[in-house]
């Protein structure tokens, strides 16, 4: 986790969500320690990429501008 250093986990939401006007499965990544999470995506790969993307200038361990 870029905020607390905890471990990330991929979560699958059985209820799904609407993507581009169609119902589809829903995935998101979240931290098992501080519960930070990504927004919902319709592919696990997309949620993983979102989790691994880092905002420029944000600390990898503290989640704040440096």
Protein backbone atom coordinates (compact mmCIF):
# COMPACT_ATOMS: atom_id res chain seq x y z
CA UNK A 1 0.00 0.00 0.00
CA UNK A 2 1.37 3.44 -0.87
CA UNK A 3 -0.23 4.87 2.27
CA UNK A 4 0.63 2.44 5.06
CA UNK A 5 2.85 -0.25 3.53
CA UNK A 6 0.20 -2.95 4.02
CA UNK A 7 -0.55 -5.75 1.58
CA UNK A 8 -2.94 -5.30 -1.31
CA UNK A 9 -5.71 -7.74 -2.13
CA UNK A 10 -7.91 -8.01 -5.21
CA UNK A 11 -11.61 -8.13 -4.40
CA UNK A 12 -14.39 -9.46 -6.60
CA UNK A 13 -17.88 -8.01 -6.12
CA UNK A 14 -20.53 -10.61 -6.98
CA UNK A 15 -23.22 -7.94 -7.38
CA UNK A 16 -21.31 -6.36 -10.26
CA UNK A 17 -21.74 -2.87 -11.65
CA UNK A 18 -22.79 -1.06 -14.80
CA UNK A 19 -19.95 -0.33 -17.25
CA UNK A 20 -20.74 1.46 -20.52
CA UNK A 21 -24.45 0.75 -20.09
CA UNK A 22 -23.99 -3.01 -19.47
CA UNK A 23 -23.90 -5.03 -16.28
CA UNK A 24 -20.53 -6.70 -15.73
CA UNK A 25 -18.46 -8.16 -12.92
CA UNK A 26 -16.77 -5.68 -10.61
CA UNK A 27 -13.21 -5.81 -9.26
CA UNK A 28 -11.22 -3.52 -7.02
CA UNK A 29 -7.94 -3.64 -5.13
CA UNK A 30 -7.72 -2.72 -1.46
CA UNK A 31 -5.23 -2.62 1.39
CA UNK A 32 -5.77 -5.22 4.09
CA UNK A 33 -4.33 -2.88 6.73
CA UNK A 34 -5.69 0.66 6.19
CA UNK A 35 -8.50 -0.29 3.75
CA UNK A 36 -7.46 2.17 1.02
CA UNK A 37 -9.03 1.03 -2.24
CA UNK A 38 -9.33 1.69 -5.94
CA UNK A 39 -12.51 2.48 -7.76
CA UNK A 40 -14.39 -0.44 -9.33
CA UNK A 41 -13.31 -1.82 -12.71
CA UNK A 42 -14.79 -4.59 -14.88
CA UNK A 43 -11.50 -6.51 -15.20
CA UNK A 44 -9.11 -7.59 -12.44
CA UNK A 45 -6.17 -6.48 -14.61
CA UNK A 46 -7.61 -2.96 -14.84
CA UNK A 47 -8.07 -2.75 -11.06
CA UNK A 48 -4.52 -4.03 -10.56
CA UNK A 49 -3.11 -1.45 -12.97
CA UNK A 50 -5.04 1.27 -11.16
CA UNK A 51 -3.70 0.12 -7.77
CA UNK A 52 -0.14 0.07 -9.08
CA UNK A 53 -0.39 3.53 -10.68
CA UNK A 54 1.10 6.23 -8.47
CA UNK A 55 0.34 9.90 -8.51
CA UNK A 56 3.46 11.91 -9.30
CA UNK A 57 5.05 13.40 -6.19
CA UNK A 58 3.18 11.22 -3.69
CA UNK A 59 5.26 9.32 -1.17
CA UNK A 60 5.20 5.54 -1.65
CA UNK A 61 4.89 4.95 2.08
CA UNK A 62 3.13 7.95 3.55
CA UNK A 63 0.67 8.96 0.83
CA UNK A 64 1.54 12.63 1.01
CA UNK A 65 3.24 15.19 -1.19
CA UNK A 66 6.99 15.34 -0.78
